[in-house]
Amino acid sequence: MFVAADPGRLRLRSALRAVLAVCLAVTVCALAGLALPAVVTGGLAALLALFTVTDRTVRGQAATTALLPAVGFPVLALAAGLHDHAVARDLAFLAVAGAGVYVRRWGPRGHALGTFAFMTFFVAQFLHTAPRQLPEVYAAVILAVLASSAVRFGVWCYERRLPAPAVPALPGGSGLARITTRQAVQAVAGGAFALVAGQVVSGDRWYWAVGAAWWVFVNTASRGETLVRGFRRVLGTLLGIGVGVLVAVPLHGAAAPTAALVAVCVFGIFYTAAVSYSWMMFAVTVLVSLLYGLLGFLEPGLLVLRLAETAVGALGAMLAVLLVLPVTTHATTHAWIEQAVRCVHRCTAEAAARLAGAADAEPAVHITELEALLGRVRLSLAPLMHPLSPLRARKARARHVLDLLDECAREARGLAAVAADPQASHDARLAAACRRVEAAVHALVAPPSDTVAMSLAPAPHHHPGAEAALRHLHGLERALAELAAPVRTSPRAPLVQA
């Protein structure tokens, strides 16, 4: 976690900004004279607004943030109104859980709004929100969103200077072929199991099991990813409870040290989220322990109960992905690899156009997209790469695929850098090399209807700038050709490398 790469210190900036924004939101809510439960709701709303909103543009982020209360308020009203009607409340919670996953089909905005809706229902259970408290809770949410937005879009808007990374979309499809639709069904099934089993474990804290089951599905697209995520959630919770017993319990809710440690936990959540789900859950669990202490009902037995509920929820999610409309790791990984290969083709096509003299060609945009897609491939292959995975042949295949895709990315970056040089040019050899790369791409994936054709007019002379481009094109051709073996054969077949 502490040695993971942080290009541009984006994780550090995000974590520091989150601490500043959440602290400001809580301070504003407290100065407004709101009760402690409302202040806690405001702090959590600010954290969620910062954590879940990931649109690529600042304008898109602002629009999504503005929509959060419009989604959260009706859900809060529903949760508060059904608080004393157990059956209706449970059915409504499952409906919100399923809808929160289903709307991810509409990209980052759908993901943010769905997550905020689910978490507002969850927070209403956590704080036992009653209808008479809604005006105060609504005020807290509005103040918190405004305060966090003032920091995110005003005081510290580093995205205006640094373009947001591309966020690839899940592979498409329709009906039950769409991954988000299948996951919505799985989330309801896993949540139902967690709800029933969680109430058997505890009639008061059952919602922790539903929350654990739901969050296991976030940023996953296959049963392998979900199983690994469930394991990591339980591990992070276990570690966090150990620290909670040692740190949060002795504090007895003392305001100043609790506030300081909450700020540390917020930093930890944002700093570790992109690199380690276990460490993020560790920070979340310690944060929850501190909030329980602040609210006045923390004890070691409550933390042990949270671990049990988390395990129940993770089990529910795992059973759902194994038994209900399972999405195999191989199918999901193959879809991401296809997208990555097509992105390599777009990078090469734009670089070729730039080399041919097209001033508006911009390969760097596709390089950013390629990096995001490779991150998705790594996440999809993580279950096979896990140290405890017994599938040695598939682990070797996965490692080989990642090595080849990383090589493609290196060559594409190098080609883009050469194309950006105004002194670079093309010659007769580049045209042939581009055609061979295009053929290698089409041998791996069928060309879509909007394929960008690579074309370079042959030139009769050799230009020094073309030598570097040729090396990158030859490297791309070789790596793409080697990808044919692991991509086109059965995942269980022995991998024979040249």
Protein backbone atom coordinates (compact mmCIF):
# COMPACT_ATOMS: atom_id res chain seq x y z
CA MET A 1 0.00 0.00 0.00
CA PHE A 2 2.72 2.48 0.99
CA VAL A 3 5.04 1.60 -1.90
CA ALA A 4 2.36 1.48 -4.62
CA ALA A 5 2.88 3.93 -7.47
CA ASP A 6 1.03 7.23 -7.19
CA PRO A 7 1.51 9.06 -10.52
CA GLY A 8 1.08 12.78 -10.07
CA ARG A 9 0.41 12.11 -6.34
CA LEU A 10 -3.27 11.82 -7.25
CA ARG A 11 -4.09 9.44 -4.39
CA LEU A 12 -2.35 11.71 -1.90
CA ARG A 13 -4.17 14.77 -3.23
CA SER A 14 -7.50 12.98 -3.19
CA ALA A 15 -6.99 11.80 0.40
CA LEU A 16 -5.90 15.20 1.71
CA ARG A 17 -8.74 16.96 -0.08
CA ALA A 18 -11.23 14.47 1.33
CA VAL A 19 -10.05 15.15 4.88
CA LEU A 20 -10.37 18.88 4.34
CA ALA A 21 -13.82 18.59 2.74
CA VAL A 22 -15.28 16.18 5.31
CA CYS A 23 -13.91 18.23 8.22
CA LEU A 24 -15.44 21.39 6.74
CA ALA A 25 -18.78 19.63 6.20
CA VAL A 26 -18.91 18.35 9.78
CA THR A 27 -17.88 21.74 11.15
CA VAL A 28 -20.57 23.55 9.17
CA CYS A 29 -23.24 21.08 10.33
CA ALA A 30 -22.14 21.40 13.95
CA LEU A 31 -22.07 25.22 13.81
CA ALA A 32 -25.59 25.14 12.38
CA GLY A 33 -26.70 23.60 15.69
CA LEU A 34 -27.72 20.23 14.26
CA ALA A 35 -27.97 17.19 16.54
CA LEU A 36 -25.13 14.67 16.59
CA PRO A 37 -26.89 12.02 14.42
CA ALA A 38 -27.56 14.68 11.77
CA VAL A 39 -23.93 15.83 11.93
CA VAL A 40 -22.77 12.24 11.42
CA THR A 41 -25.15 11.92 8.47
CA GLY A 42 -23.69 15.10 6.98
CA GLY A 43 -20.14 13.83 7.36
CA LEU A 44 -21.02 10.53 5.69
CA ALA A 45 -22.84 12.37 2.89
CA ALA A 46 -19.76 14.50 2.24
CA LEU A 47 -17.54 11.41 2.21
CA LEU A 48 -19.85 9.63 -0.24
CA ALA A 49 -20.09 12.68 -2.50
CA LEU A 50 -16.31 12.76 -2.77
CA PHE A 51 -15.83 9.00 -3.01
CA THR A 52 -18.52 7.97 -5.48
CA VAL A 53 -18.60 10.84 -8.00
CA THR A 54 -16.03 9.98 -10.69
CA ASP A 55 -17.23 11.64 -13.91
CA ARG A 56 -14.43 12.41 -16.34
CA THR A 57 -15.03 16.18 -16.46
CA VAL A 58 -15.33 18.71 -13.66
CA ARG A 59 -18.66 19.85 -15.10
CA GLY A 60 -19.92 16.25 -15.08
CA GLN A 61 -18.76 15.79 -11.49
CA ALA A 62 -20.58 18.96 -10.43
CA ALA A 63 -23.79 17.86 -12.16
CA THR A 64 -23.71 14.43 -10.53
CA THR A 65 -22.99 15.95 -7.11
CA ALA A 66 -25.98 18.28 -7.51
CA LEU A 67 -28.21 15.26 -8.20
CA LEU A 68 -27.20 13.40 -5.03
CA PRO A 69 -29.76 15.03 -2.69
CA ALA A 70 -32.51 14.54 -5.29
CA VAL A 71 -31.83 10.80 -5.12
CA GLY A 72 -31.02 10.60 -1.41
CA PHE A 73 -33.96 12.52 0.04
CA PRO A 74 -36.75 10.23 -1.23
CA VAL A 75 -34.77 7.19 -0.08
CA LEU A 76 -34.26 8.72 3.35
CA ALA A 77 -37.98 9.43 3.58
CA LEU A 78 -38.78 5.87 2.54
CA ALA A 79 -36.37 4.36 5.07
CA ALA A 80 -37.60 6.59 7.90
CA GLY A 81 -41.26 6.01 7.09
CA LEU A 82 -40.87 2.23 7.04
CA HIS A 83 -38.67 2.03 10.11
CA ASP A 84 -41.40 0.39 12.23
CA HIS A 85 -42.72 -1.84 9.42
CA ALA A 86 -40.14 -4.60 9.21
CA VAL A 87 -41.38 -6.55 6.20
CA ALA A 88 -42.03 -3.48 4.03
CA ARG A 89 -38.70 -1.99 5.15
CA ASP A 90 -36.79 -5.14 4.21
CA LEU A 91 -38.43 -5.37 0.78
CA ALA A 92 -37.74 -1.70 0.13
CA PHE A 93 -34.09 -2.13 1.15
CA LEU A 94 -33.66 -5.01 -1.30
CA ALA A 95 -35.36 -3.00 -4.06
CA VAL A 96 -33.00 -0.07 -3.47
CA ALA A 97 -30.03 -2.48 -3.44
CA GLY A 98 -31.02 -3.99 -6.79
CA ALA A 99 -31.72 -0.61 -8.37
CA GLY A 100 -28.43 0.75 -7.05
CA VAL A 101 -26.55 -1.93 -8.98
CA TYR A 102 -28.74 -1.85 -12.08
CA VAL A 103 -28.22 1.87 -12.73
CA ARG A 104 -24.47 1.30 -13.14
CA ARG A 105 -25.26 0.55 -16.77
CA TRP A 106 -25.36 4.35 -17.23
CA GLY A 107 -21.73 4.79 -16.33
CA PRO A 108 -20.07 6.81 -13.55
CA ARG A 109 -23.17 8.95 -12.89
CA GLY A 110 -25.40 5.91 -12.52
CA HIS A 111 -22.84 4.30 -10.24
CA ALA A 112 -22.61 7.39 -8.00
CA LEU A 113 -26.36 7.91 -7.72
CA GLY A 114 -27.02 4.21 -7.11
CA THR A 115 -24.38 4.05 -4.39
CA PHE A 116 -25.66 7.21 -2.71
CA ALA A 117 -29.24 5.87 -2.75
CA PHE A 118 -28.22 2.58 -1.16
CA MET A 119 -26.05 4.24 1.46
CA THR A 120 -28.72 6.75 2.49
CA PHE A 121 -31.06 3.83 3.23
CA PHE A 122 -28.23 2.10 5.10
CA VAL A 123 -27.37 5.22 7.13
CA ALA A 124 -31.04 5.61 8.09
CA GLN A 125 -30.86 2.11 9.61
CA PHE A 126 -27.50 2.82 11.22
CA LEU A 127 -28.78 5.98 12.94
CA HIS A 128 -32.40 4.81 13.42
CA THR A 129 -33.67 7.88 11.57
CA ALA A 130 -37.31 8.67 12.36
CA PRO A 131 -39.68 10.79 10.22
CA ARG A 132 -39.57 13.68 12.73
CA GLN A 133 -35.78 13.89 12.20
CA LEU A 134 -35.96 14.20 8.40
CA PRO A 135 -35.88 18.05 8.18
CA GLU A 136 -32.70 18.15 10.26
CA VAL A 137 -31.13 15.27 8.30
CA TYR A 138 -32.02 16.93 4.99
CA ALA A 139 -30.40 20.15 6.17
CA ALA A 140 -27.27 18.23 7.15
CA VAL A 141 -27.03 16.56 3.73
CA ILE A 142 -27.45 19.86 1.88
CA LEU A 143 -24.89 21.67 4.05
CA ALA A 144 -22.42 18.79 3.74
CA VAL A 145 -22.74 18.54 -0.04
CA LEU A 146 -22.33 22.31 -0.38
CA ALA A 147 -19.29 22.37 1.92
CA SER A 148 -17.57 19.42 0.25
CA SER A 149 -18.35 20.89 -3.18
CA ALA A 150 -16.79 24.20 -2.16
CA VAL A 151 -13.54 22.33 -1.51
CA ARG A 152 -13.76 19.96 -4.47
CA PHE A 153 -14.76 22.49 -7.13
CA GLY A 154 -13.38 25.67 -5.64
CA VAL A 155 -10.59 25.56 -3.09
CA TRP A 156 -8.84 22.45 -4.40
CA CYS A 157 -9.97 21.53 -7.91
CA TYR A 158 -6.82 19.87 -9.21
CA GLU A 159 -8.82 18.16 -12.00
CA ARG A 160 -8.88 21.48 -13.88
CA ARG A 161 -5.16 21.10 -14.38
CA LEU A 162 -4.93 17.32 -14.56
CA PRO A 163 -7.31 15.51 -16.95
CA ALA A 164 -9.38 12.84 -15.21
CA PRO A 165 -8.36 9.30 -16.18
CA ALA A 166 -10.61 7.46 -18.59
CA VAL A 167 -13.11 5.18 -16.87
CA PRO A 168 -13.90 2.26 -19.17
CA ALA A 169 -17.44 0.99 -19.39
CA LEU A 170 -18.44 -2.58 -18.69
CA PRO A 171 -18.91 -4.78 -21.75
CA GLY A 172 -22.36 -4.22 -23.26
CA GLY A 173 -25.16 -6.59 -24.16
CA SER A 174 -28.88 -6.61 -23.54
CA GLY A 175 -31.20 -8.27 -21.06
CA LEU A 176 -29.50 -10.85 -18.88
CA ALA A 177 -26.44 -10.73 -21.16
CA ARG A 178 -25.61 -7.34 -19.65
CA ILE A 179 -23.34 -7.71 -16.64
CA THR A 180 -24.99 -4.92 -14.64
CA THR A 181 -28.38 -6.61 -15.04
CA ARG A 182 -27.02 -9.92 -13.81
CA GLN A 183 -25.28 -8.24 -10.91
CA ALA A 184 -28.50 -6.46 -9.93
CA VAL A 185 -30.26 -9.82 -9.69
CA GLN A 186 -27.29 -11.24 -7.78
CA ALA A 187 -27.25 -8.26 -5.40
CA VAL A 188 -30.92 -8.78 -4.55
CA ALA A 189 -30.39 -12.52 -4.05
CA GLY A 190 -27.25 -12.06 -1.96
CA GLY A 191 -28.87 -9.22 -0.03
CA ALA A 192 -31.93 -11.34 0.73
CA PHE A 193 -29.74 -14.11 2.13
CA ALA A 194 -27.74 -11.56 4.13
CA LEU A 195 -30.89 -9.89 5.43
CA VAL A 196 -32.46 -13.11 6.71
CA ALA A 197 -29.23 -14.57 8.10
CA GLY A 198 -28.19 -11.19 9.49
CA GLN A 199 -31.43 -10.90 11.45
CA VAL A 200 -30.82 -14.35 12.88
CA VAL A 201 -27.41 -13.16 14.09
CA SER A 202 -28.77 -9.84 15.39
CA GLY A 203 -32.19 -8.27 15.27
CA ASP A 204 -30.65 -4.79 15.73
CA ARG A 205 -27.54 -4.78 13.50
CA TRP A 206 -28.73 -6.96 10.59
CA TYR A 207 -28.21 -4.13 8.10
CA TRP A 208 -24.43 -4.59 8.34
CA ALA A 209 -24.84 -7.93 6.58
CA VAL A 210 -26.86 -6.36 3.74
CA GLY A 211 -24.32 -3.57 3.41
CA ALA A 212 -21.44 -6.04 3.27
CA ALA A 213 -23.17 -8.12 0.59
CA TRP A 214 -23.96 -5.04 -1.51
CA TRP A 215 -20.50 -3.48 -1.37
CA VAL A 216 -18.85 -6.72 -2.44
CA PHE A 217 -20.44 -6.16 -5.87
CA VAL A 218 -19.00 -2.67 -6.31
CA ASN A 219 -16.31 -2.50 -9.06
CA THR A 220 -16.54 -6.23 -9.77
CA ALA A 221 -17.71 -7.89 -12.97
CA SER A 222 -17.23 -11.64 -12.49
CA ARG A 223 -17.65 -14.31 -9.86
CA GLY A 224 -13.88 -14.54 -9.39
CA GLU A 225 -13.55 -10.83 -8.66
CA THR A 226 -16.50 -10.97 -6.28
CA LEU A 227 -15.12 -13.96 -4.36
CA VAL A 228 -11.75 -12.28 -3.90
CA ARG A 229 -13.41 -9.04 -2.87
CA GLY A 230 -15.57 -10.83 -0.30
CA PHE A 231 -12.50 -12.45 1.23
CA ARG A 232 -10.67 -9.11 1.35
CA ARG A 233 -13.67 -7.42 2.96
CA VAL A 234 -13.74 -9.92 5.80
CA LEU A 235 -9.96 -9.69 6.23
CA GLY A 236 -9.99 -5.88 6.35
CA THR A 237 -12.90 -5.90 8.80
CA LEU A 238 -11.12 -8.38 11.07
CA LEU A 239 -7.97 -6.24 11.18
CA GLY A 240 -10.01 -3.08 11.71
CA ILE A 241 -11.90 -4.59 14.63
CA GLY A 242 -8.64 -5.48 16.32
CA VAL A 243 -7.49 -1.87 16.12
CA GLY A 244 -10.97 -0.65 17.06
CA VAL A 245 -10.82 -2.62 20.32
CA LEU A 246 -7.37 -1.22 21.11
CA VAL A 247 -8.04 2.39 20.09
CA ALA A 248 -11.73 3.28 19.86
CA VAL A 249 -13.00 1.47 22.95
CA PRO A 250 -10.58 3.16 25.43
CA LEU A 251 -11.50 6.62 24.06
CA HIS A 252 -15.13 6.29 25.24
CA GLY A 253 -16.22 8.76 22.55
CA ALA A 254 -13.93 11.62 23.67
CA ALA A 255 -14.60 14.32 21.05
CA ALA A 256 -11.15 15.73 20.24
CA PRO A 257 -9.11 12.49 19.86
CA THR A 258 -12.04 10.79 18.13
CA ALA A 259 -12.29 13.61 15.59
CA ALA A 260 -8.55 13.43 14.93
CA LEU A 261 -8.66 9.67 14.37
CA VAL A 262 -11.74 10.00 12.14
CA ALA A 263 -9.73 12.37 9.95
CA VAL A 264 -6.93 9.78 9.76
CA CYS A 265 -9.46 7.10 8.76
CA VAL A 266 -10.94 9.31 6.04
CA PHE A 267 -7.43 9.83 4.69
CA GLY A 268 -6.82 6.08 4.79
CA ILE A 269 -10.05 5.28 2.92
CA PHE A 270 -9.21 7.57 0.01
CA TYR A 271 -5.48 6.83 -0.07
CA THR A 272 -5.86 3.04 -0.12
CA ALA A 273 -9.08 2.60 -2.14
CA ALA A 274 -7.35 2.36 -5.52
CA VAL A 275 -4.66 -0.10 -4.45
CA SER A 276 -5.94 -2.30 -1.62
CA TYR A 277 -9.54 -3.16 -0.78
CA SER A 278 -8.45 -4.88 2.45
CA TRP A 279 -6.70 -1.77 3.76
CA MET A 280 -9.63 0.40 2.72
CA MET A 281 -11.99 -1.85 4.70
CA PHE A 282 -9.58 -1.68 7.62
CA ALA A 283 -9.90 2.13 7.60
CA VAL A 284 -13.70 1.93 7.18
CA THR A 285 -14.03 -0.45 10.15
CA VAL A 286 -11.93 1.72 12.43
CA LEU A 287 -14.00 4.73 11.32
CA VAL A 288 -17.23 2.91 12.16
CA SER A 289 -15.83 1.95 15.57
CA LEU A 290 -15.02 5.59 16.29
CA LEU A 291 -18.50 6.71 15.20
CA TYR A 292 -20.11 4.12 17.47
CA GLY A 293 -17.99 5.45 20.32
CA LEU A 294 -19.02 9.01 19.49
CA LEU A 295 -22.68 7.99 19.53
CA GLY A 296 -22.21 6.37 22.93
CA PHE A 297 -22.79 2.65 22.42
CA LEU A 298 -19.43 1.12 21.54
CA GLU A 299 -18.30 -2.07 23.22
CA PRO A 300 -16.07 -4.98 22.14
CA GLY A 301 -19.08 -7.26 21.70
CA LEU A 302 -20.54 -4.84 19.15
CA LEU A 303 -17.37 -4.99 17.06
CA VAL A 304 -17.39 -8.78 17.12
CA LEU A 305 -21.01 -8.65 15.99
CA ARG A 306 -19.97 -6.42 13.07
CA LEU A 307 -17.42 -9.04 12.02
CA ALA A 308 -20.07 -11.76 12.13
CA GLU A 309 -22.51 -9.65 10.09
CA THR A 310 -19.78 -8.84 7.56
CA ALA A 311 -18.97 -12.53 7.17
CA VAL A 312 -22.68 -13.31 6.66
CA GLY A 313 -22.95 -10.59 4.01
CA ALA A 314 -19.83 -11.72 2.18
CA LEU A 315 -21.12 -15.30 2.23
CA GLY A 316 -24.43 -14.14 0.75
CA ALA A 317 -22.66 -12.31 -2.07
CA MET A 318 -20.42 -15.31 -2.78
CA LEU A 319 -23.34 -17.72 -2.92
CA ALA A 320 -25.22 -15.34 -5.23
CA VAL A 321 -22.38 -15.04 -7.76
CA LEU A 322 -21.82 -18.80 -7.75
CA LEU A 323 -25.46 -19.88 -8.04
CA VAL A 324 -27.44 -16.99 -9.58
CA LEU A 325 -26.65 -16.08 -13.21
CA PRO A 326 -22.88 -16.54 -12.74
CA VAL A 327 -20.51 -14.46 -14.86
CA THR A 328 -17.26 -16.37 -15.41
CA THR A 329 -13.88 -14.75 -14.91
CA HIS A 330 -12.81 -15.95 -18.38
CA ALA A 331 -15.74 -14.30 -20.17
CA THR A 332 -15.26 -10.98 -18.39
CA THR A 333 -11.49 -10.97 -18.83
CA HIS A 334 -11.83 -11.78 -22.52
CA ALA A 335 -14.17 -8.80 -22.97
CA TRP A 336 -11.73 -6.44 -21.27
CA ILE A 337 -8.80 -7.82 -23.30
CA GLU A 338 -10.75 -7.21 -26.50
CA GLN A 339 -11.38 -3.62 -25.47
CA ALA A 340 -7.69 -3.16 -24.62
CA VAL A 341 -6.57 -4.57 -27.98
CA ARG A 342 -8.99 -2.30 -29.83
CA CYS A 343 -7.62 0.62 -27.84
CA VAL A 344 -4.09 -0.34 -28.90
CA HIS A 345 -5.35 -0.20 -32.48
CA ARG A 346 -6.81 3.29 -31.94
CA CYS A 347 -3.54 4.48 -30.38
CA THR A 348 -1.57 3.15 -33.33
CA ALA A 349 -4.00 4.60 -35.87
CA GLU A 350 -3.79 8.06 -34.32
CA ALA A 351 0.00 7.88 -34.10
CA ALA A 352 0.17 6.80 -37.72
CA ALA A 353 -2.06 9.70 -38.74
CA ARG A 354 0.15 12.11 -36.79
CA LEU A 355 3.25 10.70 -38.48
CA ALA A 356 1.52 11.19 -41.82
CA GLY A 357 1.07 14.87 -41.04
CA ALA A 358 -2.44 15.08 -39.53
CA ALA A 359 -2.15 17.87 -36.97
CA ASP A 360 -5.46 16.99 -35.27
CA ALA A 361 -4.49 13.37 -34.55
CA GLU A 362 -3.99 12.85 -30.80
CA PRO A 363 -2.77 9.39 -29.66
CA ALA A 364 -2.22 10.55 -26.05
CA VAL A 365 -5.98 10.48 -25.35
CA HIS A 366 -6.13 6.79 -26.22
CA ILE A 367 -3.00 6.08 -24.17
CA THR A 368 -4.89 7.30 -21.08
CA GLU A 369 -7.83 5.08 -21.99
CA LEU A 370 -5.49 2.13 -22.51
CA GLU A 371 -4.00 2.52 -19.04
CA ALA A 372 -7.50 2.44 -17.51
CA LEU A 373 -8.42 -0.66 -19.53
CA LEU A 374 -5.25 -2.45 -18.46
CA GLY A 375 -6.21 -1.69 -14.87
CA ARG A 376 -9.55 -3.40 -15.50
CA VAL A 377 -7.79 -6.42 -17.04
CA ARG A 378 -5.56 -6.69 -13.97
CA LEU A 379 -8.58 -6.47 -11.68
CA SER A 380 -10.40 -9.14 -13.67
CA LEU A 381 -7.37 -11.45 -13.58
CA ALA A 382 -6.69 -10.83 -9.88
CA PRO A 383 -8.56 -13.99 -8.75
CA LEU A 384 -6.31 -16.13 -10.94
CA MET A 385 -3.19 -14.26 -9.82
CA HIS A 386 -4.05 -14.59 -6.13
CA PRO A 387 -1.34 -16.43 -4.12
CA LEU A 388 -3.96 -18.90 -2.85
CA SER A 389 -5.27 -19.77 -6.32
CA PRO A 390 -4.79 -23.51 -6.98
CA LEU A 391 -5.14 -23.07 -10.78
CA ARG A 392 -1.46 -22.97 -11.65
CA ALA A 393 -1.88 -23.30 -15.42
CA ARG A 394 -4.45 -20.51 -15.56
CA LYS A 395 -2.27 -18.36 -13.30
CA ALA A 396 0.65 -18.79 -15.73
CA ARG A 397 -1.64 -17.92 -18.65
CA ALA A 398 -2.93 -14.82 -16.85
CA ARG A 399 0.60 -13.65 -16.06
CA HIS A 400 1.61 -14.18 -19.70
CA VAL A 401 -1.37 -12.15 -20.94
CA LEU A 402 -0.57 -9.30 -18.57
CA ASP A 403 3.08 -9.27 -19.65
CA LEU A 404 2.09 -9.07 -23.31
CA LEU A 405 -0.49 -6.35 -22.74
CA ASP A 406 2.03 -4.35 -20.71
CA GLU A 407 4.45 -4.72 -23.62
CA CYS A 408 1.75 -3.44 -25.99
CA ALA A 409 1.19 -0.46 -23.72
CA ARG A 410 4.90 0.34 -23.59
CA GLU A 411 5.22 0.20 -27.37
CA ALA A 412 2.07 2.29 -27.85
CA ARG A 413 3.37 4.92 -25.44
CA GLY A 414 6.69 4.98 -27.24
CA LEU A 415 5.00 5.28 -30.62
CA ALA A 416 2.85 8.16 -29.36
CA ALA A 417 5.94 9.93 -28.04
CA VAL A 418 7.67 9.57 -31.43
CA ALA A 419 4.59 10.82 -33.26
CA ALA A 420 4.46 13.89 -31.01
CA ASP A 421 7.92 14.91 -32.22
CA PRO A 422 7.43 17.48 -35.00
CA GLN A 423 10.65 16.30 -36.63
CA ALA A 424 9.43 12.72 -37.00
CA SER A 425 8.21 11.60 -40.38
CA HIS A 426 7.26 8.45 -42.23
CA ASP A 427 8.72 6.39 -44.98
CA ALA A 428 7.75 3.37 -47.08
CA ARG A 429 8.50 0.89 -44.28
CA LEU A 430 6.05 2.51 -41.83
CA ALA A 431 3.08 1.97 -44.12
CA ALA A 432 3.75 -1.77 -44.28
CA ALA A 433 4.39 -2.00 -40.53
CA CYS A 434 1.09 -0.25 -39.75
CA ARG A 435 -0.80 -2.67 -41.99
CA ARG A 436 0.79 -5.63 -40.22
CA VAL A 437 -0.19 -4.26 -36.79
CA GLU A 438 -3.75 -3.75 -38.04
CA ALA A 439 -3.84 -7.33 -39.33
CA ALA A 440 -2.55 -8.61 -35.97
CA VAL A 441 -5.31 -6.71 -34.14
CA HIS A 442 -8.02 -8.06 -36.45
CA ALA A 443 -6.69 -11.58 -35.97
CA LEU A 444 -7.45 -11.19 -32.25
CA VAL A 445 -10.74 -9.27 -32.33
CA ALA A 446 -13.31 -8.64 -35.03
CA PRO A 447 -13.12 -5.03 -36.24
CA PRO A 448 -16.12 -2.93 -35.16
CA SER A 449 -18.07 -0.87 -37.66
CA ASP A 450 -16.34 2.35 -36.60
CA THR A 451 -12.80 1.00 -36.96
CA VAL A 452 -10.20 3.69 -37.58
CA ALA A 453 -8.19 2.74 -40.62
CA MET A 454 -4.42 3.20 -40.40
CA SER A 455 -2.92 4.69 -43.49
CA LEU A 456 0.45 6.13 -44.34
CA ALA A 457 1.30 7.27 -47.81
CA PRO A 458 4.55 5.52 -48.83
CA ALA A 459 7.49 7.87 -49.09
CA PRO A 460 10.52 7.08 -51.22
CA HIS A 461 13.07 8.07 -48.60
CA HIS A 462 14.04 7.02 -45.10
CA HIS A 463 13.73 9.53 -42.28
CA PRO A 464 15.68 9.19 -39.00
CA GLY A 465 12.53 9.84 -36.99
CA ALA A 466 10.91 6.78 -38.53
CA GLU A 467 13.44 4.36 -37.06
CA ALA A 468 12.08 4.67 -33.53
CA ALA A 469 8.49 4.39 -34.80
CA LEU A 470 9.40 1.23 -36.67
CA ARG A 471 10.84 -0.36 -33.55
CA HIS A 472 7.64 0.33 -31.64
CA LEU A 473 5.46 -0.97 -34.48
CA HIS A 474 7.50 -4.18 -34.73
CA GLY A 475 7.22 -4.61 -30.96
CA LEU A 476 3.46 -4.16 -31.14
CA GLU A 477 3.17 -6.66 -33.97
CA ARG A 478 5.19 -9.26 -32.06
CA ALA A 479 3.26 -8.82 -28.79
CA LEU A 480 -0.13 -8.94 -30.54
CA ALA A 481 0.86 -12.08 -32.40
CA GLU A 482 1.91 -13.77 -29.15
CA LEU A 483 -1.42 -12.81 -27.55
CA ALA A 484 -3.22 -15.08 -30.02
CA ALA A 485 -2.15 -18.22 -28.13
CA PRO A 486 -3.58 -17.40 -24.68
CA VAL A 487 -6.59 -15.46 -26.00
CA ARG A 488 -7.77 -17.82 -28.71
CA THR A 489 -7.33 -21.14 -26.90
CA SER A 490 -9.26 -22.67 -23.99
CA PRO A 491 -8.32 -21.18 -20.61
CA ARG A 492 -7.74 -24.71 -19.31
CA ALA A 493 -5.47 -25.80 -22.16
CA PRO A 494 -1.72 -25.93 -21.48
CA LEU A 495 -0.02 -22.75 -22.64
CA VAL A 496 2.84 -23.30 -25.05
CA GLN A 497 4.98 -20.22 -25.40
CA ALA A 498 7.22 -19.64 -28.36
